[in-house]
Amino acid sequence: MRIKAVTGDDAITMAEGRVDEKTMHTLRHAYEQASEPLVDFTQSQDALAAQVEHVRVILVPGSQHMRFDILPDQFDVF
């Protein structure tokens, strides 16, 4: 199954730089040969709303999930 996340990422973009070349080759081949239609969450209002909520949780000061490598001005969702 081919999926494009609300962020625009897919299996290929998520794997780049994280897996070895043999695995990337196998992944690219499987992705190109997939017969199922692409499931694209970039146009899903529910997925977009969930992503906004996810970002809000990450950026809540004092949250156990807060990430300090993301700055609020990098997002255009507030």
Protein backbone atom coordinates (compact mmCIF):
# COMPACT_ATOMS: atom_id res chain seq x y z
CA MET A 1 0.00 0.00 0.00
CA ARG A 2 1.27 3.46 -0.88
CA ILE A 3 0.45 6.22 1.58
CA LYS A 4 1.26 9.92 1.56
CA ALA A 5 1.10 11.35 5.07
CA VAL A 6 -0.51 14.68 5.83
CA THR A 7 3.01 16.15 5.93
CA GLY A 8 3.62 15.00 2.34
CA ASP A 9 5.98 12.23 3.36
CA ASP A 10 5.75 8.72 1.99
CA ALA A 11 7.72 5.53 2.63
CA ILE A 12 10.50 6.68 0.31
CA THR A 13 11.02 10.11 1.87
CA MET A 14 10.83 8.69 5.39
CA ALA A 15 13.44 6.01 4.61
CA GLU A 16 15.94 8.27 2.81
CA GLY A 17 19.07 8.64 4.89
CA ARG A 18 17.78 6.15 7.45
CA VAL A 19 18.19 2.79 5.70
CA ASP A 20 20.95 1.22 3.62
CA GLU A 21 21.00 1.39 -0.18
CA LYS A 22 19.87 -2.21 -0.67
CA THR A 23 16.79 -1.56 1.45
CA MET A 24 16.11 1.70 -0.41
CA HIS A 25 16.33 -0.15 -3.73
CA THR A 26 13.89 -2.80 -2.50
CA LEU A 27 11.53 -0.14 -1.16
CA ARG A 28 11.63 1.92 -4.36
CA HIS A 29 10.99 -1.18 -6.47
CA ALA A 30 8.04 -2.23 -4.30
CA TYR A 31 6.64 1.29 -4.35
CA GLU A 32 6.87 1.51 -8.15
CA GLN A 33 5.25 -1.92 -8.59
CA ALA A 34 2.35 -1.31 -6.19
CA SER A 35 -0.98 -1.68 -7.93
CA GLU A 36 -3.12 -0.11 -5.22
CA PRO A 37 -4.12 3.53 -5.56
CA LEU A 38 -2.16 6.04 -3.51
CA VAL A 39 -3.84 6.92 -0.22
CA ASP A 40 -3.18 10.66 0.08
CA PHE A 41 -3.84 12.26 3.44
CA THR A 42 -2.61 15.71 2.36
CA GLN A 43 -6.16 16.63 1.32
CA SER A 44 -7.94 15.02 4.30
CA GLN A 45 -9.47 17.59 6.63
CA ASP A 46 -9.47 15.04 9.48
CA ALA A 47 -5.78 14.25 8.95
CA LEU A 48 -4.89 17.95 8.73
CA ALA A 49 -6.76 18.66 11.97
CA ALA A 50 -4.99 15.75 13.68
CA GLN A 51 -1.61 17.06 12.52
CA VAL A 52 -2.38 20.53 13.88
CA GLU A 53 -3.31 18.98 17.23
CA HIS A 54 -0.14 16.88 17.18
CA VAL A 55 1.99 19.98 16.61
CA ARG A 56 0.17 21.86 19.36
CA VAL A 57 0.91 19.04 21.84
CA ILE A 58 4.58 18.99 20.83
CA LEU A 59 4.87 22.73 21.36
CA VAL A 60 3.05 22.99 24.71
CA PRO A 61 5.58 24.27 27.25
CA GLY A 62 6.16 21.69 29.94
CA SER A 63 4.57 18.89 27.93
CA GLN A 64 6.30 15.53 28.25
CA HIS A 65 6.15 15.44 24.46
CA MET A 66 7.67 18.88 23.85
CA ARG A 67 10.48 18.88 21.34
CA PHE A 68 13.07 21.61 21.58
CA ASP A 69 14.31 21.17 18.02
CA ILE A 70 11.06 22.60 16.60
CA LEU A 71 10.33 26.29 16.86
CA PRO A 72 6.76 27.65 16.71
CA ASP A 73 7.60 30.07 13.90
CA GLN A 74 8.34 27.07 11.64
CA PHE A 75 4.63 26.28 11.54
CA ASP A 76 1.81 28.22 9.99
CA VAL A 77 -0.99 26.51 11.89
CA PHE A 78 -1.70 28.79 14.85
